[in-house]
C-alpha atoms as a PDB file:
ATOM      1  CA  UNK A   1     -14.050  -9.179  10.685  1.00  0.00           C
ATOM      2  CA  UNK A   2     -11.097  -7.807   8.773  1.00  0.00           C
ATOM      3  CA  UNK A   3      -8.713  -8.950  11.489  1.00  0.00           C
ATOM      4  CA  UNK A   4     -10.261 -12.523  11.313  1.00  0.00           C
ATOM      5  CA  UNK A   5      -9.892 -12.582   7.603  1.00  0.00           C
ATOM      6  CA  UNK A   6      -6.120 -11.745   7.868  1.00  0.00           C
ATOM      7  CA  UNK A   7      -5.900 -14.190  10.941  1.00  0.00           C
ATOM      8  CA  UNK A   8      -7.242 -16.880   8.859  1.00  0.00           C
ATOM      9  CA  UNK A   9      -5.358 -16.047   5.731  1.00  0.00           C
ATOM     10  CA  UNK A  10      -1.863 -16.466   7.351  1.00  0.00           C
ATOM     11  CA  UNK A  11      -1.542 -19.938   6.082  1.00  0.00           C
ATOM     12  CA  UNK A  12       1.803 -19.370   4.480  1.00  0.00           C
ATOM     13  CA  UNK A  13       5.104 -19.617   6.144  1.00  0.00           C
ATOM     14  CA  UNK A  14       8.188 -17.155   6.141  1.00  0.00           C
ATOM     15  CA  UNK A  15      11.660 -17.150   7.988  1.00  0.00           C
ATOM     16  CA  UNK A  16      12.394 -14.018   9.621  1.00  0.00           C
ATOM     17  CA  UNK A  17      15.741 -12.955  10.831  1.00  0.00           C
ATOM     18  CA  UNK A  18      15.642 -10.056  13.445  1.00  0.00           C
ATOM     19  CA  UNK A  19      18.396  -7.605  12.727  1.00  0.00           C
ATOM     20  CA  UNK A  20      20.748  -7.342  16.033  1.00  0.00           C
ATOM     21  CA  UNK A  21      20.648  -4.014  17.824  1.00  0.00           C
ATOM     22  CA  UNK A  22      22.288  -2.806  20.989  1.00  0.00           C
ATOM     23  CA  UNK A  23      20.693  -1.252  24.231  1.00  0.00           C
ATOM     24  CA  UNK A  24      20.203   2.117  22.334  1.00  0.00           C
ATOM     25  CA  UNK A  25      18.521   0.421  19.072  1.00  0.00           C
ATOM     26  CA  UNK A  26      21.392   0.979  16.902  1.00  0.00           C
ATOM     27  CA  UNK A  27      22.225  -1.862  14.486  1.00  0.00           C
ATOM     28  CA  UNK A  28      25.330  -3.975  15.629  1.00  0.00           C
ATOM     29  CA  UNK A  29      27.578  -4.548  12.644  1.00  0.00           C
ATOM     30  CA  UNK A  30      29.999  -7.451  11.841  1.00  0.00           C
ATOM     31  CA  UNK A  31      33.828  -6.766  11.066  1.00  0.00           C
ATOM     32  CA  UNK A  32      32.796  -5.643   7.671  1.00  0.00           C
ATOM     33  CA  UNK A  33      30.212  -2.898   8.908  1.00  0.00           C
ATOM     34  CA  UNK A  34      27.420  -5.244   7.702  1.00  0.00           C
ATOM     35  CA  UNK A  35      24.409  -5.676   9.919  1.00  0.00           C
ATOM     36  CA  UNK A  36      24.334  -8.730  11.853  1.00  0.00           C
ATOM     37  CA  UNK A  37      21.168 -10.879  12.477  1.00  0.00           C
ATOM     38  CA  UNK A  38      19.696 -13.174  15.395  1.00  0.00           C
ATOM     39  CA  UNK A  39      18.550 -16.657  14.966  1.00  0.00           C
ATOM     40  CA  UNK A  40      15.924 -17.475  12.144  1.00  0.00           C
ATOM     41  CA  UNK A  41      12.159 -17.905  13.254  1.00  0.00           C
ATOM     42  CA  UNK A  42       9.594 -19.449  11.193  1.00  0.00           C
ATOM     43  CA  UNK A  43       6.263 -17.399  11.473  1.00  0.00           C
ATOM     44  CA  UNK A  44       2.827 -17.815   9.870  1.00  0.00           C
ATOM     45  CA  UNK A  45       2.241 -15.217   7.332  1.00  0.00           C
ATOM     46  CA  UNK A  46       0.110 -13.993   4.522  1.00  0.00           C
ATOM     47  CA  UNK A  47       2.883 -13.161   1.966  1.00  0.00           C
ATOM     48  CA  UNK A  48       1.578 -11.061  -1.207  1.00  0.00           C
ATOM     49  CA  UNK A  49       3.955 -10.250  -4.045  1.00  0.00           C
ATOM     50  CA  UNK A  50       2.540  -6.818  -4.586  1.00  0.00           C
ATOM     51  CA  UNK A  51       4.098  -3.391  -5.455  1.00  0.00           C
ATOM     52  CA  UNK A  52       2.876  -0.566  -3.057  1.00  0.00           C
ATOM     53  CA  UNK A  53       4.389   2.910  -2.699  1.00  0.00           C
ATOM     54  CA  UNK A  54       5.196   3.491   0.975  1.00  0.00           C
ATOM     55  CA  UNK A  55       7.391   6.139   2.915  1.00  0.00           C
ATOM     56  CA  UNK A  56      10.449   4.307   4.777  1.00  0.00           C
ATOM     57  CA  UNK A  57      11.516   5.429   8.261  1.00  0.00           C
ATOM     58  CA  UNK A  58      13.880   7.977   6.815  1.00  0.00           C
ATOM     59  CA  UNK A  59      11.107   9.668   5.099  1.00  0.00           C
ATOM     60  CA  UNK A  60      12.078   8.579   1.413  1.00  0.00           C
ATOM     61  CA  UNK A  61       9.261   7.057  -0.753  1.00  0.00           C
ATOM     62  CA  UNK A  62       9.741   3.403  -1.929  1.00  0.00           C
ATOM     63  CA  UNK A  63       7.990   0.719  -3.701  1.00  0.00           C
ATOM     64  CA  UNK A  64       7.522  -2.665  -2.053  1.00  0.00           C
ATOM     65  CA  UNK A  65       8.366  -5.929  -3.733  1.00  0.00           C
ATOM     66  CA  UNK A  66       6.082  -7.826  -1.373  1.00  0.00           C
ATOM     67  CA  UNK A  67       3.850  -7.201   1.641  1.00  0.00           C
ATOM     68  CA  UNK A  68       3.693  -9.573   4.483  1.00  0.00           C
ATOM     69  CA  UNK A  69       1.100  -9.941   7.101  1.00  0.00           C
ATOM     70  CA  UNK A  70       2.381 -11.316  10.317  1.00  0.00           C
ATOM     71  CA  UNK A  71       0.955 -12.289  13.788  1.00  0.00           C
ATOM     72  CA  UNK A  72       3.899 -10.967  15.585  1.00  0.00           C
ATOM     73  CA  UNK A  73       6.069  -7.677  15.482  1.00  0.00           C
ATOM     74  CA  UNK A  74       8.946  -7.779  13.258  1.00  0.00           C
ATOM     75  CA  UNK A  75      11.839  -5.092  13.030  1.00  0.00           C
ATOM     76  CA  UNK A  76      12.881  -2.654  10.185  1.00  0.00           C
ATOM     77  CA  UNK A  77      16.123  -3.934   8.775  1.00  0.00           C
ATOM     78  CA  UNK A  78      15.309  -7.472   9.412  1.00  0.00           C
ATOM     79  CA  UNK A  79      15.327 -10.045   6.805  1.00  0.00           C
ATOM     80  CA  UNK A  80      12.471 -12.309   5.523  1.00  0.00           C
ATOM     81  CA  UNK A  81      12.459 -15.341   3.233  1.00  0.00           C
ATOM     82  CA  UNK A  82       9.253 -16.976   1.945  1.00  0.00           C
ATOM     83  CA  UNK A  83       8.986 -20.507   3.161  1.00  0.00           C
ATOM     84  CA  UNK A  84      10.347 -22.347   6.201  1.00  0.00           C
ATOM     85  CA  UNK A  85      13.697 -23.479   6.946  1.00  0.00           C
ATOM     86  CA  UNK A  86      13.886 -26.107   4.588  1.00  0.00           C
ATOM     87  CA  UNK A  87      14.257 -23.281   2.022  1.00  0.00           C
ATOM     88  CA  UNK A  88      17.183 -21.865   3.777  1.00  0.00           C
ATOM     89  CA  UNK A  89      20.468 -23.506   2.363  1.00  0.00           C
ATOM     90  CA  UNK A  90      22.704 -25.517   4.554  1.00  0.00           C
ATOM     91  CA  UNK A  91      25.570 -23.121   6.187  1.00  0.00           C
ATOM     92  CA  UNK A  92      23.544 -19.975   5.487  1.00  0.00           C
ATOM     93  CA  UNK A  93      21.121 -20.149   8.658  1.00  0.00           C
ATOM     94  CA  UNK A  94      23.343 -16.969  10.087  1.00  0.00           C
ATOM     95  CA  UNK A  95      23.681 -15.039   6.667  1.00  0.00           C
ATOM     96  CA  UNK A  96      20.383 -14.263   5.295  1.00  0.00           C
ATOM     97  CA  UNK A  97      21.677 -11.287   3.178  1.00  0.00           C
ATOM     98  CA  UNK A  98      23.378 -14.126   0.915  1.00  0.00           C
ATOM     99  CA  UNK A  99      20.233 -16.266   0.467  1.00  0.00           C
ATOM    100  CA  UNK A 100      18.428 -15.726  -2.874  1.00  0.00           C
ATOM    101  CA  UNK A 101      14.825 -14.560  -2.372  1.00  0.00           C
ATOM    102  CA  UNK A 102      15.395 -13.252   1.057  1.00  0.00           C
ATOM    103  CA  UNK A 103      14.481  -9.650   1.208  1.00  0.00           C
ATOM    104  CA  UNK A 104      14.962  -6.740   3.522  1.00  0.00           C
ATOM    105  CA  UNK A 105      12.287  -5.600   5.810  1.00  0.00           C
ATOM    106  CA  UNK A 106      12.133  -1.685   4.803  1.00  0.00           C
ATOM    107  CA  UNK A 107       9.120  -0.756   6.849  1.00  0.00           C
ATOM    108  CA  UNK A 108       6.874  -2.314   9.494  1.00  0.00           C
ATOM    109  CA  UNK A 109       3.510  -0.957  10.612  1.00  0.00           C
ATOM    110  CA  UNK A 110       1.161  -1.949  13.647  1.00  0.00           C
ATOM    111  CA  UNK A 111      -2.245  -0.748  13.347  1.00  0.00           C
ATOM    112  CA  UNK A 112      -4.881  -1.320  16.141  1.00  0.00           C
ATOM    113  CA  UNK A 113      -8.193  -2.413  15.069  1.00  0.00           C
ATOM    114  CA  UNK A 114     -11.275  -0.238  15.686  1.00  0.00           C
ATOM    115  CA  UNK A 115     -11.877  -1.990  19.182  1.00  0.00           C
ATOM    116  CA  UNK A 116      -8.171  -1.543  19.957  1.00  0.00           C
ATOM    117  CA  UNK A 117      -7.579  -5.187  21.074  1.00  0.00           C
ATOM    118  CA  UNK A 118      -5.785  -6.473  18.070  1.00  0.00           C
ATOM    119  CA  UNK A 119      -3.263  -5.418  15.551  1.00  0.00           C
ATOM    120  CA  UNK A 120      -2.832  -5.725  11.735  1.00  0.00           C
ATOM    121  CA  UNK A 121       0.888  -6.127  11.328  1.00  0.00           C
ATOM    122  CA  UNK A 122       2.343  -5.369   7.763  1.00  0.00           C
ATOM    123  CA  UNK A 123       6.032  -5.666   6.601  1.00  0.00           C
ATOM    124  CA  UNK A 124       6.811  -4.038   3.436  1.00  0.00           C
ATOM    125  CA  UNK A 125       9.636  -5.889   1.815  1.00  0.00           C
END
């Protein structure tokens, strides 16, 4: 029942930029040691502006600015922006860190349902 509610509640859009990694999973930096990102993808999501305390991948306690439920896996250190490609300013398609409102994915969780045939996917921004 819960997964069905989340599935039908993903009636918003978000633009997702995956962080670029090498074959060993290390982030690929640009010439200024900043992370690089793959092409943007528009996802169906349920975006909640909500503060929730969580532990990041390095073991640090953090507070989210938003929680985003997705139907697909997303990567830690990727970026998300609420809306679709019309919300991405011209010339900024490959520069999500410079877009006002774009946020870093600080944690991603994927928890199976009791039957184990579906997943609840949450991105903490």
